[in-house]
Amino acid sequence: MWPECNNHVRITDTVAEWEEWTGTRFPDDGMYTFPAGLAPVAIDHGRDRGCYWEPSVWIVHTVQPDTPG
């Protein structure tokens, strides 16, 4: 439909940065959901990295013309 909009955004930073941004503690390696996240973040303590792929989410609305009430 809109192929140019199918790009995902990859966000990586340290585990500490992810904990600060999200207000969430990530005690172990693994996939975690967090407030306002559209997908889980992958936490890897051995590499001190959190990696998040933000999906492109598009919502199509049908707009009806205003009708006099």
Protein backbone atom coordinates (compact mmCIF):
# COMPACT_ATOMS: atom_id res chain seq x y z
CA MET A 1 0.00 0.00 0.00
CA TRP A 2 2.69 2.52 1.08
CA PRO A 3 5.97 0.61 0.67
CA GLU A 4 8.10 3.64 1.54
CA CYS A 5 6.48 3.66 5.00
CA ASN A 6 7.49 0.10 5.89
CA ASN A 7 10.75 1.18 7.52
CA HIS A 8 11.30 0.18 11.13
CA VAL A 9 13.38 2.28 13.47
CA ARG A 10 16.14 0.51 15.42
CA ILE A 11 17.07 2.04 18.77
CA THR A 12 20.04 0.68 20.74
CA ASP A 13 21.70 1.93 23.89
CA THR A 14 23.04 0.71 27.21
CA VAL A 15 20.84 -1.20 29.64
CA ALA A 16 21.13 1.69 32.12
CA GLU A 17 19.87 4.15 29.49
CA TRP A 18 16.93 1.91 28.68
CA GLU A 19 16.08 1.59 32.37
CA GLU A 20 16.22 5.37 32.78
CA TRP A 21 14.13 6.11 29.64
CA THR A 22 11.43 3.57 30.40
CA GLY A 23 11.36 3.69 34.19
CA THR A 24 11.56 -0.11 34.06
CA ARG A 25 14.15 -2.42 35.61
CA PHE A 26 15.60 -5.14 33.36
CA PRO A 27 17.29 -7.58 35.79
CA ASP A 28 18.00 -10.41 33.32
CA ASP A 29 18.61 -10.94 29.63
CA GLY A 30 15.50 -11.31 27.52
CA MET A 31 12.61 -9.55 25.87
CA TYR A 32 10.74 -6.96 27.92
CA THR A 33 7.67 -4.87 27.32
CA PHE A 34 7.68 -1.33 28.64
CA PRO A 35 5.19 1.55 28.97
CA ALA A 36 4.37 3.17 25.59
CA GLY A 37 6.48 0.61 23.71
CA LEU A 38 4.97 -0.79 20.52
CA ALA A 39 7.23 -3.86 20.65
CA PRO A 40 9.47 -5.46 23.28
CA VAL A 41 13.07 -4.40 23.87
CA ALA A 42 15.77 -7.11 23.77
CA ILE A 43 18.10 -6.78 26.77
CA ASP A 44 21.60 -8.28 26.68
CA HIS A 45 23.58 -7.61 29.88
CA GLY A 46 26.72 -9.32 28.52
CA ARG A 47 26.94 -6.73 25.74
CA ASP A 48 25.35 -3.98 27.91
CA ARG A 49 22.79 -3.38 25.19
CA GLY A 50 19.10 -2.89 24.79
CA CYS A 51 17.86 -3.17 21.22
CA TYR A 52 14.40 -2.11 20.12
CA TRP A 53 12.82 -2.20 16.67
CA GLU A 54 9.96 0.27 16.59
CA PRO A 55 7.41 -0.96 14.08
CA SER A 56 5.77 1.28 11.53
CA VAL A 57 2.16 1.26 12.65
CA TRP A 58 -0.36 3.00 10.45
CA ILE A 59 -4.05 3.35 11.12
CA VAL A 60 -6.37 4.16 8.23
CA HIS A 61 -9.54 6.02 9.14
CA THR A 62 -12.59 6.53 6.98
CA VAL A 63 -13.64 10.14 7.20
CA GLN A 64 -17.30 10.95 6.69
CA PRO A 65 -18.32 14.46 5.63
CA ASP A 66 -20.08 16.51 8.28
CA THR A 67 -23.83 16.37 7.96
CA PRO A 68 -26.07 19.08 9.31
CA GLY A 69 -27.70 17.89 12.51
